[in-house]
All heavy atoms as atom14 arrays in JSON, in Angstrom:
{
  "sequence": "VLLFLFIGAGFALPGTWEARGTRVIEAPPEALFGFLDGPEGWRRWT",
  "atom14_mask": [
    [1, 1, 1, 1, 1, 1, 1, 0, 0, 0, 0, 0, 0, 0],
    [1, 1, 1, 1, 1, 1, 1, 1, 0, 0, 0, 0, 0, 0],
    [1, 1, 1, 1, 1, 1, 1, 1, 0, 0, 0, 0, 0, 0],
    [1, 1, 1, 1, 1, 1, 1, 1, 1, 1, 1, 0, 0, 0],
    [1, 1, 1, 1, 1, 1, 1, 1, 0, 0, 0, 0, 0, 0],
    [1, 1, 1, 1, 1, 1, 1, 1, 1, 1, 1, 0, 0, 0],
    [1, 1, 1, 1, 1, 1, 1, 1, 0, 0, 0, 0, 0, 0],
    [1, 1, 1, 1, 0, 0, 0, 0, 0, 0, 0, 0, 0, 0],
    [1, 1, 1, 1, 1, 0, 0, 0, 0, 0, 0, 0, 0, 0],
    [1, 1, 1, 1, 0, 0, 0, 0, 0, 0, 0, 0, 0, 0],
    [1, 1, 1, 1, 1, 1, 1, 1, 1, 1, 1, 0, 0, 0],
    [1, 1, 1, 1, 1, 0, 0, 0, 0, 0, 0, 0, 0, 0],
    [1, 1, 1, 1, 1, 1, 1, 1, 0, 0, 0, 0, 0, 0],
    [1, 1, 1, 1, 1, 1, 1, 0, 0, 0, 0, 0, 0, 0],
    [1, 1, 1, 1, 0, 0, 0, 0, 0, 0, 0, 0, 0, 0],
    [1, 1, 1, 1, 1, 1, 1, 0, 0, 0, 0, 0, 0, 0],
    [1, 1, 1, 1, 1, 1, 1, 1, 1, 1, 1, 1, 1, 1],
    [1, 1, 1, 1, 1, 1, 1, 1, 1, 0, 0, 0, 0, 0],
    [1, 1, 1, 1, 1, 0, 0, 0, 0, 0, 0, 0, 0, 0],
    [1, 1, 1, 1, 1, 1, 1, 1, 1, 1, 1, 0, 0, 0],
    [1, 1, 1, 1, 0, 0, 0, 0, 0, 0, 0, 0, 0, 0],
    [1, 1, 1, 1, 1, 1, 1, 0, 0, 0, 0, 0, 0, 0],
    [1, 1, 1, 1, 1, 1, 1, 1, 1, 1, 1, 0, 0, 0],
    [1, 1, 1, 1, 1, 1, 1, 0, 0, 0, 0, 0, 0, 0],
    [1, 1, 1, 1, 1, 1, 1, 1, 0, 0, 0, 0, 0, 0],
    [1, 1, 1, 1, 1, 1, 1, 1, 1, 0, 0, 0, 0, 0],
    [1, 1, 1, 1, 1, 0, 0, 0, 0, 0, 0, 0, 0, 0],
    [1, 1, 1, 1, 1, 1, 1, 0, 0, 0, 0, 0, 0, 0],
    [1, 1, 1, 1, 1, 1, 1, 0, 0, 0, 0, 0, 0, 0],
    [1, 1, 1, 1, 1, 1, 1, 1, 1, 0, 0, 0, 0, 0],
    [1, 1, 1, 1, 1, 0, 0, 0, 0, 0, 0, 0, 0, 0],
    [1, 1, 1, 1, 1, 1, 1, 1, 0, 0, 0, 0, 0, 0],
    [1, 1, 1, 1, 1, 1, 1, 1, 1, 1, 1, 0, 0, 0],
    [1, 1, 1, 1, 0, 0, 0, 0, 0, 0, 0, 0, 0, 0],
    [1, 1, 1, 1, 1, 1, 1, 1, 1, 1, 1, 0, 0, 0],
    [1, 1, 1, 1, 1, 1, 1, 1, 0, 0, 0, 0, 0, 0],
    [1, 1, 1, 1, 1, 1, 1, 1, 0, 0, 0, 0, 0, 0],
    [1, 1, 1, 1, 0, 0, 0, 0, 0, 0, 0, 0, 0, 0],
    [1, 1, 1, 1, 1, 1, 1, 0, 0, 0, 0, 0, 0, 0],
    [1, 1, 1, 1, 1, 1, 1, 1, 1, 0, 0, 0, 0, 0],
    [1, 1, 1, 1, 0, 0, 0, 0, 0, 0, 0, 0, 0, 0],
    [1, 1, 1, 1, 1, 1, 1, 1, 1, 1, 1, 1, 1, 1],
    [1, 1, 1, 1, 1, 1, 1, 1, 1, 1, 1, 0, 0, 0],
    [1, 1, 1, 1, 1, 1, 1, 1, 1, 1, 1, 0, 0, 0],
    [1, 1, 1, 1, 1, 1, 1, 1, 1, 1, 1, 1, 1, 1],
    [1, 1, 1, 1, 1, 1, 1, 0, 0, 0, 0, 0, 0, 0]
  ],
  "atom14_positions": [
    [[17.7, 14.57, -26.85], [16.3, 14.59, -27.31], [15.53, 13.44, -26.67], [14.4, 13.62, -26.18], [16.23, 14.54, -28.85], [14.81, 14.27, -29.34], [16.76, 15.84, -29.45], [0.0, 0.0, 0.0], [0.0, 0.0, 0.0], [0.0, 0.0, 0.0], [0.0, 0.0, 0.0], [0.0, 0.0, 0.0], [0.0, 0.0, 0.0], [0.0, 0.0, 0.0]],
    [[16.12, 12.24, -26.67], [15.44, 11.09, -26.05], [15.21, 11.31, -24.56], [14.13, 10.98, -24.04], [16.24, 9.81, -26.3], [16.23, 9.3, -27.73], [17.17, 8.1, -27.87], [14.82, 8.95, -28.18], [0.0, 0.0, 0.0], [0.0, 0.0, 0.0], [0.0, 0.0, 0.0], [0.0, 0.0, 0.0], [0.0, 0.0, 0.0], [0.0, 0.0, 0.0]],
    [[16.19, 11.85, -23.87], [16.04, 12.13, -22.44], [14.92, 13.15, -22.21], [14.09, 13.0, -21.32], [17.35, 12.63, -21.84], [17.33, 12.97, -20.35], [16.99, 11.72, -19.53], [18.66, 13.55, -19.91], [0.0, 0.0, 0.0], [0.0, 0.0, 0.0], [0.0, 0.0, 0.0], [0.0, 0.0, 0.0], [0.0, 0.0, 0.0], [0.0, 0.0, 0.0]],
    [[14.89, 14.19, -23.03], [13.84, 15.2, -22.93], [12.47, 14.57, -23.14], [11.52, 14.85, -22.39], [14.1, 16.31, -23.96], [13.05, 17.37, -23.97], [12.99, 18.32, -22.97], [12.09, 17.41, -24.98], [12.01, 19.31, -22.97], [11.11, 18.38, -24.98], [11.06, 19.33, -23.98], [0.0, 0.0, 0.0], [0.0, 0.0, 0.0], [0.0, 0.0, 0.0]],
    [[12.34, 13.7, -24.14], [11.06, 13.02, -24.39], [10.68, 12.1, -23.23], [9.51, 12.04, -22.83], [11.13, 12.23, -25.7], [11.2, 13.07, -26.98], [11.44, 12.17, -28.19], [9.95, 13.9, -27.15], [0.0, 0.0, 0.0], [0.0, 0.0, 0.0], [0.0, 0.0, 0.0], [0.0, 0.0, 0.0], [0.0, 0.0, 0.0], [0.0, 0.0, 0.0]],
    [[11.66, 11.37, -22.68], [11.41, 10.47, -21.56], [10.9, 11.25, -20.34], [9.91, 10.87, -19.71], [12.71, 9.71, -21.21], [12.59, 8.8, -20.04], [12.03, 7.54, -20.17], [13.07, 9.18, -18.78], [11.93, 6.68, -19.09], [12.98, 8.33, -17.7], [12.41, 7.07, -17.86], [0.0, 0.0, 0.0], [0.0, 0.0, 0.0], [0.0, 0.0, 0.0]],
    [[11.57, 12.34, -20.01], [11.15, 13.15, -18.86], [9.81, 13.82, -19.13], [8.93, 13.87, -18.27], [12.24, 14.17, -18.49], [13.46, 13.43, -17.92], [11.72, 15.2, -17.49], [14.66, 14.3, -17.65], [0.0, 0.0, 0.0], [0.0, 0.0, 0.0], [0.0, 0.0, 0.0], [0.0, 0.0, 0.0], [0.0, 0.0, 0.0], [0.0, 0.0, 0.0]],
    [[9.62, 14.32, -20.35], [8.35, 14.94, -20.7], [7.19, 13.96, -20.57], [6.13, 14.3, -20.04], [0.0, 0.0, 0.0], [0.0, 0.0, 0.0], [0.0, 0.0, 0.0], [0.0, 0.0, 0.0], [0.0, 0.0, 0.0], [0.0, 0.0, 0.0], [0.0, 0.0, 0.0], [0.0, 0.0, 0.0], [0.0, 0.0, 0.0], [0.0, 0.0, 0.0]],
    [[7.39, 12.73, -21.04], [6.34, 11.71, -20.91], [6.11, 11.39, -19.43], [4.97, 11.15, -19.01], [6.74, 10.45, -21.67], [0.0, 0.0, 0.0], [0.0, 0.0, 0.0], [0.0, 0.0, 0.0], [0.0, 0.0, 0.0], [0.0, 0.0, 0.0], [0.0, 0.0, 0.0], [0.0, 0.0, 0.0], [0.0, 0.0, 0.0], [0.0, 0.0, 0.0]],
    [[7.16, 11.39, -18.63], [7.02, 11.14, -17.19], [6.14, 12.17, -16.51], [5.35, 11.85, -15.62], [0.0, 0.0, 0.0], [0.0, 0.0, 0.0], [0.0, 0.0, 0.0], [0.0, 0.0, 0.0], [0.0, 0.0, 0.0], [0.0, 0.0, 0.0], [0.0, 0.0, 0.0], [0.0, 0.0, 0.0], [0.0, 0.0, 0.0], [0.0, 0.0, 0.0]],
    [[6.23, 13.42, -16.93], [5.37, 14.47, -16.38], [3.91, 14.22, -16.73], [3.01, 14.59, -16.0], [5.79, 15.86, -16.85], [6.9, 16.46, -16.06], [8.12, 16.74, -16.66], [6.75, 16.75, -14.71], [9.16, 17.3, -15.94], [7.79, 17.3, -13.98], [8.99, 17.59, -14.6], [0.0, 0.0, 0.0], [0.0, 0.0, 0.0], [0.0, 0.0, 0.0]],
    [[3.67, 13.6, -17.89], [2.3, 13.34, -18.33], [1.69, 12.12, -17.63], [0.47, 11.97, -17.61], [2.28, 13.12, -19.84], [0.0, 0.0, 0.0], [0.0, 0.0, 0.0], [0.0, 0.0, 0.0], [0.0, 0.0, 0.0], [0.0, 0.0, 0.0], [0.0, 0.0, 0.0], [0.0, 0.0, 0.0], [0.0, 0.0, 0.0], [0.0, 0.0, 0.0]],
    [[2.51, 11.27, -17.05], [2.0, 10.07, -16.37], [1.42, 10.43, -15.01], [1.94, 11.32, -14.33], [3.12, 9.05, -16.18], [3.69, 8.44, -17.45], [4.91, 7.59, -17.11], [2.63, 7.59, -18.15], [0.0, 0.0, 0.0], [0.0, 0.0, 0.0], [0.0, 0.0, 0.0], [0.0, 0.0, 0.0], [0.0, 0.0, 0.0], [0.0, 0.0, 0.0]],
    [[0.37, 9.72, -14.59], [-0.15, 9.98, -13.24], [0.84, 9.46, -12.21], [1.45, 8.42, -12.39], [-1.46, 9.2, -13.21], [-1.27, 8.11, -14.22], [-0.38, 8.68, -15.28], [0.0, 0.0, 0.0], [0.0, 0.0, 0.0], [0.0, 0.0, 0.0], [0.0, 0.0, 0.0], [0.0, 0.0, 0.0], [0.0, 0.0, 0.0], [0.0, 0.0, 0.0]],
    [[0.99, 10.17, -11.13], [1.88, 9.74, -10.05], [1.12, 9.01, -8.96], [1.66, 8.81, -7.88], [0.0, 0.0, 0.0], [0.0, 0.0, 0.0], [0.0, 0.0, 0.0], [0.0, 0.0, 0.0], [0.0, 0.0, 0.0], [0.0, 0.0, 0.0], [0.0, 0.0, 0.0], [0.0, 0.0, 0.0], [0.0, 0.0, 0.0], [0.0, 0.0, 0.0]],
    [[-0.1, 8.62, -9.23], [-0.93, 7.97, -8.21], [-1.05, 6.48, -8.48], [-0.85, 6.01, -9.6], [-2.34, 8.58, -8.17], [-2.94, 8.42, -9.47], [-2.28, 10.06, -7.81], [0.0, 0.0, 0.0], [0.0, 0.0, 0.0], [0.0, 0.0, 0.0], [0.0, 0.0, 0.0], [0.0, 0.0, 0.0], [0.0, 0.0, 0.0], [0.0, 0.0, 0.0]],
    [[-1.39, 5.74, -7.44], [-1.58, 4.29, -7.55], [-2.59, 3.83, -6.52], [-2.88, 4.54, -5.55], [-0.25, 3.55, -7.38], [0.53, 3.94, -6.17], [1.46, 4.92, -6.08], [0.42, 3.38, -4.86], [1.94, 5.0, -4.8], [1.32, 4.06, -4.03], [-0.35, 2.36, -4.31], [1.48, 3.77, -2.68], [-0.19, 2.07, -2.96], [0.72, 2.77, -2.17]],
    [[-3.14, 2.64, -6.74], [-4.07, 2.0, -5.82], [-3.67, 0.54, -5.69], [-3.3, -0.08, -6.67], [-5.51, 2.08, -6.34], [-6.05, 3.47, -6.42], [-7.48, 3.5, -6.96], [-8.08, 2.42, -7.16], [-7.99, 4.6, -7.18], [0.0, 0.0, 0.0], [0.0, 0.0, 0.0], [0.0, 0.0, 0.0], [0.0, 0.0, 0.0], [0.0, 0.0, 0.0]],
    [[-3.77, 0.01, -4.49], [-3.45, -1.4, -4.26], [-4.48, -2.0, -3.31], [-5.06, -1.28, -2.49], [-2.04, -1.54, -3.68], [0.0, 0.0, 0.0], [0.0, 0.0, 0.0], [0.0, 0.0, 0.0], [0.0, 0.0, 0.0], [0.0, 0.0, 0.0], [0.0, 0.0, 0.0], [0.0, 0.0, 0.0], [0.0, 0.0, 0.0], [0.0, 0.0, 0.0]],
    [[-4.68, -3.31, -3.44], [-5.66, -4.01, -2.6], [-5.16, -5.39, -2.24], [-4.46, -6.03, -3.01], [-6.98, -4.17, -3.35], [-7.73, -2.89, -3.56], [-8.98, -3.1, -4.41], [-9.72, -1.88, -4.54], [-9.36, -0.84, -5.26], [-8.24, -0.87, -5.92], [-10.11, 0.25, -5.32], [0.0, 0.0, 0.0], [0.0, 0.0, 0.0], [0.0, 0.0, 0.0]],
    [[-5.56, -5.83, -1.07], [-5.3, -7.18, -0.63], [-6.49, -7.67, 0.19], [-7.12, -6.88, 0.9], [0.0, 0.0, 0.0], [0.0, 0.0, 0.0], [0.0, 0.0, 0.0], [0.0, 0.0, 0.0], [0.0, 0.0, 0.0], [0.0, 0.0, 0.0], [0.0, 0.0, 0.0], [0.0, 0.0, 0.0], [0.0, 0.0, 0.0], [0.0, 0.0, 0.0]],
    [[-6.81, -8.94, 0.08], [-7.92, -9.53, 0.83], [-7.51, -10.92, 1.29], [-6.85, -11.65, 0.55], [-9.18, -9.64, -0.06], [-9.52, -8.35, -0.53], [-10.35, -10.2, 0.72], [0.0, 0.0, 0.0], [0.0, 0.0, 0.0], [0.0, 0.0, 0.0], [0.0, 0.0, 0.0], [0.0, 0.0, 0.0], [0.0, 0.0, 0.0], [0.0, 0.0, 0.0]],
    [[-7.92, -11.26, 2.5], [-7.62, -12.6, 3.03], [-8.64, -12.94, 4.11], [-9.0, -12.09, 4.91], [-6.22, -12.64, 3.6], [-5.76, -14.03, 4.0], [-4.3, -13.99, 4.42], [-3.73, -15.31, 4.49], [-3.14, -15.93, 3.49], [-3.04, -15.36, 2.32], [-2.64, -17.13, 3.65], [0.0, 0.0, 0.0], [0.0, 0.0, 0.0], [0.0, 0.0, 0.0]],
    [[-9.07, -14.2, 4.13], [-9.92, -14.69, 5.21], [-8.99, -15.3, 6.25], [-8.18, -16.17, 5.94], [-10.95, -15.71, 4.72], [-11.7, -16.32, 5.89], [-11.92, -15.06, 3.74], [0.0, 0.0, 0.0], [0.0, 0.0, 0.0], [0.0, 0.0, 0.0], [0.0, 0.0, 0.0], [0.0, 0.0, 0.0], [0.0, 0.0, 0.0], [0.0, 0.0, 0.0]],
    [[-9.13, -14.82, 7.49], [-8.3, -15.3, 8.6], [-9.21, -15.93, 9.64], [-10.22, -15.35, 10.01], [-7.48, -14.14, 9.21], [-6.54, -13.56, 8.14], [-6.7, -14.6, 10.44], [-5.74, -12.36, 8.58], [0.0, 0.0, 0.0], [0.0, 0.0, 0.0], [0.0, 0.0, 0.0], [0.0, 0.0, 0.0], [0.0, 0.0, 0.0], [0.0, 0.0, 0.0]],
    [[-8.83, -17.11, 10.09], [-9.64, -17.84, 11.07], [-9.43, -17.26, 12.46], [-8.82, -17.89, 13.33], [-9.32, -19.33, 11.01], [-9.75, -19.96, 9.71], [-9.45, -21.46, 9.66], [-9.07, -22.04, 10.7], [-9.59, -22.02, 8.57], [0.0, 0.0, 0.0], [0.0, 0.0, 0.0], [0.0, 0.0, 0.0], [0.0, 0.0, 0.0], [0.0, 0.0, 0.0]],
    [[-9.96, -16.08, 12.65], [-9.91, -15.38, 13.94], [-11.03, -14.34, 13.91], [-11.36, -13.82, 12.85], [-8.56, -14.71, 14.15], [0.0, 0.0, 0.0], [0.0, 0.0, 0.0], [0.0, 0.0, 0.0], [0.0, 0.0, 0.0], [0.0, 0.0, 0.0], [0.0, 0.0, 0.0], [0.0, 0.0, 0.0], [0.0, 0.0, 0.0], [0.0, 0.0, 0.0]],
    [[-11.59, -14.02, 15.07], [-12.64, -13.0, 15.09], [-12.06, -11.6, 14.87], [-10.88, -11.36, 15.13], [-13.24, -13.14, 16.49], [-12.16, -13.75, 17.31], [-11.35, -14.61, 16.39], [0.0, 0.0, 0.0], [0.0, 0.0, 0.0], [0.0, 0.0, 0.0], [0.0, 0.0, 0.0], [0.0, 0.0, 0.0], [0.0, 0.0, 0.0], [0.0, 0.0, 0.0]],
    [[-12.89, -10.66, 14.4], [-12.39, -9.3, 14.16], [-11.71, -8.69, 15.39], [-10.69, -8.02, 15.25], [-13.66, -8.51, 13.79], [-14.58, -9.54, 13.21], [-14.29, -10.79, 13.99], [0.0, 0.0, 0.0], [0.0, 0.0, 0.0], [0.0, 0.0, 0.0], [0.0, 0.0, 0.0], [0.0, 0.0, 0.0], [0.0, 0.0, 0.0], [0.0, 0.0, 0.0]],
    [[-12.26, -8.93, 16.57], [-11.69, -8.34, 17.79], [-10.24, -8.8, 18.0], [-9.38, -8.04, 18.45], [-12.55, -8.71, 18.99], [-12.18, -7.97, 20.26], [-12.4, -6.46, 20.18], [-13.44, -6.02, 19.67], [-11.51, -5.73, 20.65], [0.0, 0.0, 0.0], [0.0, 0.0, 0.0], [0.0, 0.0, 0.0], [0.0, 0.0, 0.0], [0.0, 0.0, 0.0]],
    [[-9.94, -10.06, 17.66], [-8.58, -10.58, 17.82], [-7.62, -9.94, 16.83], [-6.44, -9.75, 17.13], [-8.57, -12.09, 17.65], [0.0, 0.0, 0.0], [0.0, 0.0, 0.0], [0.0, 0.0, 0.0], [0.0, 0.0, 0.0], [0.0, 0.0, 0.0], [0.0, 0.0, 0.0], [0.0, 0.0, 0.0], [0.0, 0.0, 0.0], [0.0, 0.0, 0.0]],
    [[-8.1, -9.59, 15.65], [-7.25, -8.97, 14.63], [-7.07, -7.48, 14.86], [-6.04, -6.91, 14.51], [-7.84, -9.2, 13.24], [-7.93, -10.65, 12.8], [-8.67, -10.75, 11.47], [-6.56, -11.28, 12.71], [0.0, 0.0, 0.0], [0.0, 0.0, 0.0], [0.0, 0.0, 0.0], [0.0, 0.0, 0.0], [0.0, 0.0, 0.0], [0.0, 0.0, 0.0]],
    [[-8.08, -6.85, 15.45], [-8.07, -5.4, 15.59], [-6.86, -4.9, 16.38], [-6.31, -3.85, 16.07], [-9.37, -4.93, 16.26], [-9.6, -3.47, 16.12], [-10.11, -2.94, 14.95], [-9.3, -2.6, 17.16], [-10.32, -1.58, 14.81], [-9.51, -1.24, 17.03], [-10.02, -0.73, 15.85], [0.0, 0.0, 0.0], [0.0, 0.0, 0.0], [0.0, 0.0, 0.0]],
    [[-6.42, -5.66, 17.38], [-5.26, -5.27, 18.17], [-3.96, -5.18, 17.38], [-3.0, -4.54, 17.8], [0.0, 0.0, 0.0], [0.0, 0.0, 0.0], [0.0, 0.0, 0.0], [0.0, 0.0, 0.0], [0.0, 0.0, 0.0], [0.0, 0.0, 0.0], [0.0, 0.0, 0.0], [0.0, 0.0, 0.0], [0.0, 0.0, 0.0], [0.0, 0.0, 0.0]],
    [[-3.92, -5.79, 16.2], [-2.74, -5.7, 15.33], [-2.85, -4.53, 14.36], [-1.93, -4.28, 13.58], [-2.58, -6.98, 14.51], [-2.27, -8.18, 15.35], [-3.26, -9.11, 15.62], [-1.01, -8.37, 15.88], [-2.99, -10.22, 16.4], [-0.73, -9.48, 16.66], [-1.72, -10.4, 16.92], [0.0, 0.0, 0.0], [0.0, 0.0, 0.0], [0.0, 0.0, 0.0]],
    [[-3.96, -3.8, 14.39], [-4.23, -2.75, 13.41], [-4.35, -1.35, 13.98], [-4.15, -0.38, 13.26], [-5.54, -3.07, 12.66], [-5.6, -4.41, 11.94], [-7.0, -4.66, 11.44], [-4.59, -4.45, 10.82], [0.0, 0.0, 0.0], [0.0, 0.0, 0.0], [0.0, 0.0, 0.0], [0.0, 0.0, 0.0], [0.0, 0.0, 0.0], [0.0, 0.0, 0.0]],
    [[-4.73, -1.21, 15.24], [-5.06, 0.12, 15.76], [-3.89, 0.83, 16.43], [-4.07, 1.87, 17.04], [-6.26, 0.06, 16.7], [-5.96, -0.65, 18.0], [-4.99, -1.44, 18.05], [-6.71, -0.43, 18.97], [0.0, 0.0, 0.0], [0.0, 0.0, 0.0], [0.0, 0.0, 0.0], [0.0, 0.0, 0.0], [0.0, 0.0, 0.0], [0.0, 0.0, 0.0]],
    [[-2.68, 0.28, 16.3], [-1.51, 0.92, 16.87], [-0.24, 0.51, 16.13], [-0.16, -0.59, 15.58], [0.0, 0.0, 0.0], [0.0, 0.0, 0.0], [0.0, 0.0, 0.0], [0.0, 0.0, 0.0], [0.0, 0.0, 0.0], [0.0, 0.0, 0.0], [0.0, 0.0, 0.0], [0.0, 0.0, 0.0], [0.0, 0.0, 0.0], [0.0, 0.0, 0.0]],
    [[0.76, 1.37, 16.11], [2.0, 1.08, 15.39], [2.69, -0.21, 15.83], [3.24, -0.94, 15.01], [2.88, 2.3, 15.66], [1.92, 3.4, 15.95], [0.77, 2.74, 16.64], [0.0, 0.0, 0.0], [0.0, 0.0, 0.0], [0.0, 0.0, 0.0], [0.0, 0.0, 0.0], [0.0, 0.0, 0.0], [0.0, 0.0, 0.0], [0.0, 0.0, 0.0]],
    [[2.68, -0.52, 17.13], [3.36, -1.74, 17.58], [2.71, -2.98, 17.0], [3.38, -3.96, 16.7], [3.42, -1.79, 19.11], [4.49, -0.89, 19.7], [5.88, -1.12, 19.11], [6.33, -2.29, 19.03], [6.51, -0.13, 18.71], [0.0, 0.0, 0.0], [0.0, 0.0, 0.0], [0.0, 0.0, 0.0], [0.0, 0.0, 0.0], [0.0, 0.0, 0.0]],
    [[1.4, -2.97, 16.86], [0.71, -4.09, 16.22], [1.14, -4.24, 14.77], [1.41, -5.35, 14.31], [0.0, 0.0, 0.0], [0.0, 0.0, 0.0], [0.0, 0.0, 0.0], [0.0, 0.0, 0.0], [0.0, 0.0, 0.0], [0.0, 0.0, 0.0], [0.0, 0.0, 0.0], [0.0, 0.0, 0.0], [0.0, 0.0, 0.0], [0.0, 0.0, 0.0]],
    [[1.23, -3.13, 14.05], [1.66, -3.18, 12.65], [3.08, -3.71, 12.52], [3.39, -4.42, 11.57], [1.56, -1.78, 12.02], [0.17, -1.41, 11.64], [-0.8, -0.95, 12.47], [-0.41, -1.48, 10.34], [-1.95, -0.72, 11.76], [-1.73, -1.02, 10.45], [0.07, -1.86, 9.1], [-2.59, -0.96, 9.36], [-0.79, -1.78, 8.0], [-2.1, -1.35, 8.15]],
    [[3.95, -3.37, 13.44], [5.34, -3.83, 13.37], [5.45, -5.34, 13.51], [6.43, -5.93, 13.08], [6.18, -3.15, 14.46], [6.4, -1.67, 14.13], [7.42, -1.05, 15.0], [8.73, -1.62, 14.64], [9.8, -1.51, 15.39], [9.74, -0.88, 16.54], [10.93, -2.04, 15.01], [0.0, 0.0, 0.0], [0.0, 0.0, 0.0], [0.0, 0.0, 0.0]],
    [[4.44, -5.97, 14.07], [4.48, -7.44, 14.23], [4.23, -8.17, 12.92], [4.62, -9.33, 12.79], [3.47, -7.89, 15.28], [3.81, -7.31, 16.63], [3.57, -8.14, 17.83], [3.61, -9.56, 17.72], [2.75, -10.36, 18.32], [1.77, -9.85, 19.06], [2.85, -11.67, 18.21], [0.0, 0.0, 0.0], [0.0, 0.0, 0.0], [0.0, 0.0, 0.0]],
    [[3.57, -7.53, 11.96], [3.23, -8.27, 10.74], [3.57, -7.54, 9.44], [3.37, -8.09, 8.36], [1.75, -8.66, 10.75], [0.78, -7.52, 10.82], [0.42, -6.8, 11.92], [0.05, -6.96, 9.73], [-0.48, -5.84, 11.58], [-0.74, -5.91, 10.24], [-0.03, -7.24, 8.37], [-1.59, -5.15, 9.46], [-0.87, -6.49, 7.58], [-1.64, -5.45, 8.14]],
    [[4.12, -6.34, 9.52], [4.57, -5.64, 8.32], [6.03, -5.22, 8.51], [6.54, -5.23, 9.62], [3.7, -4.39, 8.03], [3.72, -3.53, 9.17], [2.27, -4.78, 7.71], [0.0, 0.0, 0.0], [0.0, 0.0, 0.0], [0.0, 0.0, 0.0], [0.0, 0.0, 0.0], [0.0, 0.0, 0.0], [0.0, 0.0, 0.0], [0.0, 0.0, 0.0]]
  ]
}
């Protein structure tokens, strides 16, 4: 019964989420953009 209630409540929960991050970096946008517009750039910092 408890397992059924746990799973039933799980179906009622939203499966979505939102996340945010902000940071000021001492570099111009053009210098940062090269780390964002391609997968190899992302691999350097994530």
